[in-house]
PDB file of N, CA and C in Angstrom:
ATOM      1  N   UNK A   1     -17.797  38.788   9.751  1.00  0.00           N
ATOM      2  CA  UNK A   1     -16.544  39.327  10.182  1.00  0.00           C
ATOM      3  C   UNK A   1     -16.600  40.840   9.997  1.00  0.00           C
ATOM      4  N   UNK A   2     -15.975  41.527  10.929  1.00  0.00           N
ATOM      5  CA  UNK A   2     -15.951  42.986  10.895  1.00  0.00           C
ATOM      6  C   UNK A   2     -14.556  43.447  11.297  1.00  0.00           C
ATOM      7  N   UNK A   3     -14.078  44.506  10.672  1.00  0.00           N
ATOM      8  CA  UNK A   3     -12.816  45.109  11.047  1.00  0.00           C
ATOM      9  C   UNK A   3     -13.118  46.410  11.771  1.00  0.00           C
ATOM     10  N   UNK A   4     -12.411  46.663  12.882  1.00  0.00           N
ATOM     11  CA  UNK A   4     -12.647  47.885  13.656  1.00  0.00           C
ATOM     12  C   UNK A   4     -11.316  48.528  14.017  1.00  0.00           C
ATOM     13  N   UNK A   5     -11.214  49.833  13.819  1.00  0.00           N
ATOM     14  CA  UNK A   5     -10.035  50.583  14.229  1.00  0.00           C
ATOM     15  C   UNK A   5     -10.207  50.966  15.684  1.00  0.00           C
ATOM     16  N   UNK A   6      -9.305  50.484  16.531  1.00  0.00           N
ATOM     17  CA  UNK A   6      -9.422  50.737  17.959  1.00  0.00           C
ATOM     18  C   UNK A   6      -8.064  50.580  18.628  1.00  0.00           C
ATOM     19  N   UNK A   7      -7.930  51.194  19.797  1.00  0.00           N
ATOM     20  CA  UNK A   7      -6.685  51.067  20.559  1.00  0.00           C
ATOM     21  C   UNK A   7      -6.600  49.748  21.313  1.00  0.00           C
ATOM     22  N   UNK A   8      -7.761  49.120  21.571  1.00  0.00           N
ATOM     23  CA  UNK A   8      -7.756  47.871  22.332  1.00  0.00           C
ATOM     24  C   UNK A   8      -9.018  47.052  22.044  1.00  0.00           C
ATOM     25  N   UNK A   9      -9.066  45.884  22.665  1.00  0.00           N
ATOM     26  CA  UNK A   9     -10.171  44.957  22.436  1.00  0.00           C
ATOM     27  C   UNK A   9     -11.502  45.526  22.956  1.00  0.00           C
ATOM     28  N   UNK A  10     -11.453  46.223  24.076  1.00  0.00           N
ATOM     29  CA  UNK A  10     -12.684  46.820  24.622  1.00  0.00           C
ATOM     30  C   UNK A  10     -13.267  47.854  23.657  1.00  0.00           C
ATOM     31  N   UNK A  11     -12.400  48.642  23.046  1.00  0.00           N
ATOM     32  CA  UNK A  11     -12.864  49.628  22.070  1.00  0.00           C
ATOM     33  C   UNK A  11     -13.494  48.964  20.853  1.00  0.00           C
ATOM     34  N   UNK A  12     -12.902  47.866  20.414  1.00  0.00           N
ATOM     35  CA  UNK A  12     -13.458  47.123  19.272  1.00  0.00           C
ATOM     36  C   UNK A  12     -14.833  46.558  19.623  1.00  0.00           C
ATOM     37  N   UNK A  13     -14.989  46.080  20.848  1.00  0.00           N
ATOM     38  CA  UNK A  13     -16.288  45.579  21.298  1.00  0.00           C
ATOM     39  C   UNK A  13     -17.318  46.692  21.302  1.00  0.00           C
ATOM     40  N   UNK A  14     -16.931  47.865  21.768  1.00  0.00           N
ATOM     41  CA  UNK A  14     -17.835  49.019  21.797  1.00  0.00           C
ATOM     42  C   UNK A  14     -18.279  49.404  20.386  1.00  0.00           C
ATOM     43  N   UNK A  15     -17.363  49.367  19.431  1.00  0.00           N
ATOM     44  CA  UNK A  15     -17.700  49.679  18.036  1.00  0.00           C
ATOM     45  C   UNK A  15     -18.709  48.663  17.498  1.00  0.00           C
ATOM     46  N   UNK A  16     -18.453  47.378  17.749  1.00  0.00           N
ATOM     47  CA  UNK A  16     -19.374  46.335  17.298  1.00  0.00           C
ATOM     48  C   UNK A  16     -20.766  46.541  17.886  1.00  0.00           C
ATOM     49  N   UNK A  17     -20.824  46.781  19.200  1.00  0.00           N
ATOM     50  CA  UNK A  17     -22.119  46.993  19.860  1.00  0.00           C
ATOM     51  C   UNK A  17     -22.833  48.209  19.281  1.00  0.00           C
ATOM     52  N   UNK A  18     -22.082  49.251  18.895  1.00  0.00           N
ATOM     53  CA  UNK A  18     -22.682  50.434  18.280  1.00  0.00           C
ATOM     54  C   UNK A  18     -23.304  50.126  16.929  1.00  0.00           C
ATOM     55  N   UNK A  19     -22.634  49.292  16.156  1.00  0.00           N
ATOM     56  CA  UNK A  19     -23.176  48.890  14.849  1.00  0.00           C
ATOM     57  C   UNK A  19     -24.454  48.078  15.047  1.00  0.00           C
ATOM     58  N   UNK A  20     -24.418  47.129  15.964  1.00  0.00           N
ATOM     59  CA  UNK A  20     -25.601  46.305  16.228  1.00  0.00           C
ATOM     60  C   UNK A  20     -26.736  47.168  16.781  1.00  0.00           C
ATOM     61  N   UNK A  21     -26.400  48.116  17.629  1.00  0.00           N
ATOM     62  CA  UNK A  21     -27.421  49.004  18.194  1.00  0.00           C
ATOM     63  C   UNK A  21     -28.121  49.813  17.102  1.00  0.00           C
ATOM     64  N   UNK A  22     -27.390  50.165  16.055  1.00  0.00           N
ATOM     65  CA  UNK A  22     -27.969  50.942  14.949  1.00  0.00           C
ATOM     66  C   UNK A  22     -29.028  50.153  14.176  1.00  0.00           C
ATOM     67  N   UNK A  23     -28.957  48.835  14.238  1.00  0.00           N
ATOM     68  CA  UNK A  23     -29.933  47.990  13.534  1.00  0.00           C
ATOM     69  C   UNK A  23     -30.701  47.094  14.507  1.00  0.00           C
ATOM     70  N   UNK A  24     -30.764  47.504  15.761  1.00  0.00           N
ATOM     71  CA  UNK A  24     -31.318  46.658  16.825  1.00  0.00           C
ATOM     72  C   UNK A  24     -32.774  46.235  16.606  1.00  0.00           C
ATOM     73  N   UNK A  25     -33.531  46.993  15.846  1.00  0.00           N
ATOM     74  CA  UNK A  25     -34.929  46.613  15.634  1.00  0.00           C
ATOM     75  C   UNK A  25     -35.053  45.347  14.792  1.00  0.00           C
ATOM     76  N   UNK A  26     -34.006  44.998  14.060  1.00  0.00           N
ATOM     77  CA  UNK A  26     -34.043  43.802  13.220  1.00  0.00           C
ATOM     78  C   UNK A  26     -33.226  42.645  13.794  1.00  0.00           C
ATOM     79  N   UNK A  27     -32.448  42.903  14.848  1.00  0.00           N
ATOM     80  CA  UNK A  27     -31.559  41.883  15.407  1.00  0.00           C
ATOM     81  C   UNK A  27     -32.276  41.097  16.500  1.00  0.00           C
ATOM     82  N   UNK A  28     -32.279  39.795  16.339  1.00  0.00           N
ATOM     83  CA  UNK A  28     -32.863  38.906  17.339  1.00  0.00           C
ATOM     84  C   UNK A  28     -31.827  38.595  18.418  1.00  0.00           C
ATOM     85  N   UNK A  29     -30.599  38.312  17.997  1.00  0.00           N
ATOM     86  CA  UNK A  29     -29.540  37.918  18.919  1.00  0.00           C
ATOM     87  C   UNK A  29     -28.187  38.175  18.266  1.00  0.00           C
ATOM     88  N   UNK A  30     -27.212  38.610  19.068  1.00  0.00           N
ATOM     89  CA  UNK A  30     -25.848  38.727  18.566  1.00  0.00           C
ATOM     90  C   UNK A  30     -24.904  38.052  19.534  1.00  0.00           C
ATOM     91  N   UNK A  31     -23.846  37.492  18.984  1.00  0.00           N
ATOM     92  CA  UNK A  31     -22.891  36.758  19.803  1.00  0.00           C
ATOM     93  C   UNK A  31     -21.491  36.974  19.235  1.00  0.00           C
ATOM     94  N   UNK A  32     -20.611  37.558  20.028  1.00  0.00           N
ATOM     95  CA  UNK A  32     -19.226  37.738  19.603  1.00  0.00           C
ATOM     96  C   UNK A  32     -18.489  36.426  19.830  1.00  0.00           C
ATOM     97  N   UNK A  33     -17.898  35.907  18.772  1.00  0.00           N
ATOM     98  CA  UNK A  33     -17.162  34.648  18.851  1.00  0.00           C
ATOM     99  C   UNK A  33     -15.698  34.875  19.213  1.00  0.00           C
ATOM    100  N   UNK A  34     -15.114  35.904  18.573  1.00  0.00           N
ATOM    101  CA  UNK A  34     -13.683  36.147  18.796  1.00  0.00           C
ATOM    102  C   UNK A  34     -13.342  37.573  18.391  1.00  0.00           C
ATOM    103  N   UNK A  35     -12.471  38.203  19.178  1.00  0.00           N
ATOM    104  CA  UNK A  35     -11.909  39.507  18.815  1.00  0.00           C
ATOM    105  C   UNK A  35     -10.405  39.393  18.982  1.00  0.00           C
ATOM    106  N   UNK A  36      -9.679  39.726  17.923  1.00  0.00           N
ATOM    107  CA  UNK A  36      -8.221  39.651  18.005  1.00  0.00           C
ATOM    108  C   UNK A  36      -7.591  40.708  17.106  1.00  0.00           C
ATOM    109  N   UNK A  37      -6.363  41.108  17.446  1.00  0.00           N
ATOM    110  CA  UNK A  37      -5.678  42.093  16.597  1.00  0.00           C
ATOM    111  C   UNK A  37      -5.460  41.538  15.195  1.00  0.00           C
ATOM    112  N   UNK A  38      -5.616  42.396  14.198  1.00  0.00           N
ATOM    113  CA  UNK A  38      -5.358  42.020  12.809  1.00  0.00           C
ATOM    114  C   UNK A  38      -3.857  42.101  12.596  1.00  0.00           C
ATOM    115  N   UNK A  39      -3.262  41.015  12.247  1.00  0.00           N
ATOM    116  CA  UNK A  39      -1.810  40.932  12.193  1.00  0.00           C
ATOM    117  C   UNK A  39      -1.170  41.813  11.127  1.00  0.00           C
ATOM    118  N   UNK A  40      -1.930  42.227  10.116  1.00  0.00           N
ATOM    119  CA  UNK A  40      -1.344  43.013   9.034  1.00  0.00           C
ATOM    120  C   UNK A  40      -1.277  44.511   9.334  1.00  0.00           C
ATOM    121  N   UNK A  41      -2.226  45.014  10.139  1.00  0.00           N
ATOM    122  CA  UNK A  41      -2.313  46.460  10.365  1.00  0.00           C
ATOM    123  C   UNK A  41      -2.465  46.742  11.856  1.00  0.00           C
ATOM    124  N   UNK A  42      -1.544  47.522  12.396  1.00  0.00           N
ATOM    125  CA  UNK A  42      -1.608  47.894  13.809  1.00  0.00           C
ATOM    126  C   UNK A  42      -2.837  48.768  14.066  1.00  0.00           C
ATOM    127  N   UNK A  43      -3.524  48.501  15.179  1.00  0.00           N
ATOM    128  CA  UNK A  43      -4.689  49.295  15.555  1.00  0.00           C
ATOM    129  C   UNK A  43      -5.995  48.810  14.955  1.00  0.00           C
ATOM    130  N   UNK A  44      -5.946  47.711  14.207  1.00  0.00           N
ATOM    131  CA  UNK A  44      -7.151  47.127  13.617  1.00  0.00           C
ATOM    132  C   UNK A  44      -7.437  45.801  14.319  1.00  0.00           C
ATOM    133  N   UNK A  45      -8.686  45.604  14.663  1.00  0.00           N
ATOM    134  CA  UNK A  45      -9.118  44.360  15.284  1.00  0.00           C
ATOM    135  C   UNK A  45     -10.118  43.657  14.377  1.00  0.00           C
ATOM    136  N   UNK A  46     -10.034  42.338  14.367  1.00  0.00           N
ATOM    137  CA  UNK A  46     -10.984  41.514  13.623  1.00  0.00           C
ATOM    138  C   UNK A  46     -12.021  41.012  14.622  1.00  0.00           C
ATOM    139  N   UNK A  47     -13.280  41.243  14.311  1.00  0.00           N
ATOM    140  CA  UNK A  47     -14.365  40.789  15.170  1.00  0.00           C
ATOM    141  C   UNK A  47     -15.142  39.721  14.417  1.00  0.00           C
ATOM    142  N   UNK A  48     -15.134  38.521  14.955  1.00  0.00           N
ATOM    143  CA  UNK A  48     -15.935  37.435  14.386  1.00  0.00           C
ATOM    144  C   UNK A  48     -17.171  37.299  15.260  1.00  0.00           C
ATOM    145  N   UNK A  49     -18.334  37.431  14.645  1.00  0.00           N
ATOM    146  CA  UNK A  49     -19.572  37.397  15.406  1.00  0.00           C
ATOM    147  C   UNK A  49     -20.688  36.760  14.597  1.00  0.00           C
ATOM    148  N   UNK A  50     -21.665  36.267  15.320  1.00  0.00           N
ATOM    149  CA  UNK A  50     -22.897  35.770  14.703  1.00  0.00           C
ATOM    150  C   UNK A  50     -23.999  36.756  15.048  1.00  0.00           C
ATOM    151  N   UNK A  51     -24.735  37.181  14.032  1.00  0.00           N
ATOM    152  CA  UNK A  51     -25.864  38.083  14.232  1.00  0.00           C
ATOM    153  C   UNK A  51     -27.083  37.415  13.612  1.00  0.00           C
ATOM    154  N   UNK A  52     -28.093  37.223  14.433  1.00  0.00           N
ATOM    155  CA  UNK A  52     -29.329  36.578  13.986  1.00  0.00           C
ATOM    156  C   UNK A  52     -30.410  37.641  13.862  1.00  0.00           C
ATOM    157  N   UNK A  53     -31.102  37.645  12.739  1.00  0.00           N
ATOM    158  CA  UNK A  53     -32.119  38.649  12.468  1.00  0.00           C
ATOM    159  C   UNK A  53     -33.518  38.081  12.695  1.00  0.00           C
ATOM    160  N   UNK A  54     -34.457  38.969  12.950  1.00  0.00           N
ATOM    161  CA  UNK A  54     -35.843  38.579  13.192  1.00  0.00           C
ATOM    162  C   UNK A  54     -36.432  37.823  12.006  1.00  0.00           C
ATOM    163  N   UNK A  55     -36.169  38.310  10.801  1.00  0.00           N
ATOM    164  CA  UNK A  55     -36.747  37.693   9.618  1.00  0.00           C
ATOM    165  C   UNK A  55     -35.682  37.671   8.527  1.00  0.00           C
ATOM    166  N   UNK A  56     -34.839  36.630   8.543  1.00  0.00           N
ATOM    167  CA  UNK A  56     -33.725  36.569   7.600  1.00  0.00           C
ATOM    168  C   UNK A  56     -34.172  36.561   6.145  1.00  0.00           C
ATOM    169  N   UNK A  57     -35.249  35.886   5.822  1.00  0.00           N
ATOM    170  CA  UNK A  57     -35.703  35.807   4.436  1.00  0.00           C
ATOM    171  C   UNK A  57     -36.012  37.195   3.888  1.00  0.00           C
ATOM    172  N   UNK A  58     -36.617  38.035   4.684  1.00  0.00           N
ATOM    173  CA  UNK A  58     -36.947  39.391   4.256  1.00  0.00           C
ATOM    174  C   UNK A  58     -35.685  40.136   3.817  1.00  0.00           C
ATOM    175  N   UNK A  59     -34.611  40.001   4.580  1.00  0.00           N
ATOM    176  CA  UNK A  59     -33.374  40.718   4.265  1.00  0.00           C
ATOM    177  C   UNK A  59     -32.641  40.098   3.080  1.00  0.00           C
ATOM    178  N   UNK A  60     -32.755  38.813   2.908  1.00  0.00           N
ATOM    179  CA  UNK A  60     -32.155  38.184   1.734  1.00  0.00           C
ATOM    180  C   UNK A  60     -32.854  38.655   0.469  1.00  0.00           C
ATOM    181  N   UNK A  61     -34.169  38.795   0.527  1.00  0.00           N
ATOM    182  CA  UNK A  61     -34.920  39.279  -0.642  1.00  0.00           C
ATOM    183  C   UNK A  61     -34.583  40.744  -0.944  1.00  0.00           C
ATOM    184  N   UNK A  62     -34.427  41.547   0.083  1.00  0.00           N
ATOM    185  CA  UNK A  62     -34.077  42.954  -0.120  1.00  0.00           C
ATOM    186  C   UNK A  62     -32.704  43.086  -0.786  1.00  0.00           C
ATOM    187  N   UNK A  63     -31.791  42.178  -0.447  1.00  0.00           N
ATOM    188  CA  UNK A  63     -30.442  42.226  -1.009  1.00  0.00           C
ATOM    189  C   UNK A  63     -30.465  41.931  -2.505  1.00  0.00           C
ATOM    190  N   UNK A  64     -31.468  41.255  -2.984  1.00  0.00           N
ATOM    191  CA  UNK A  64     -31.546  40.908  -4.408  1.00  0.00           C
ATOM    192  C   UNK A  64     -32.055  42.074  -5.266  1.00  0.00           C
ATOM    193  N   UNK A  65     -32.714  43.033  -4.655  1.00  0.00           N
ATOM    194  CA  UNK A  65     -33.270  44.171  -5.419  1.00  0.00           C
ATOM    195  C   UNK A  65     -32.183  45.097  -5.927  1.00  0.00           C
TER     196      UNK A  65
END
């Protein structure tokens, strides 16, 4: 899940794609499941997505260091 400050759903999608693009060398596949306004704060969108990495075990081990 990701929170994005944006005026609309298209802007939130663009922000998500920018984040994924920044780590694209490790991303195998990404899939946006749902984007909707966050009911508590105006201008915030909740992005639910699945991101699959080339080598998940490698990143899990790095997180433990």
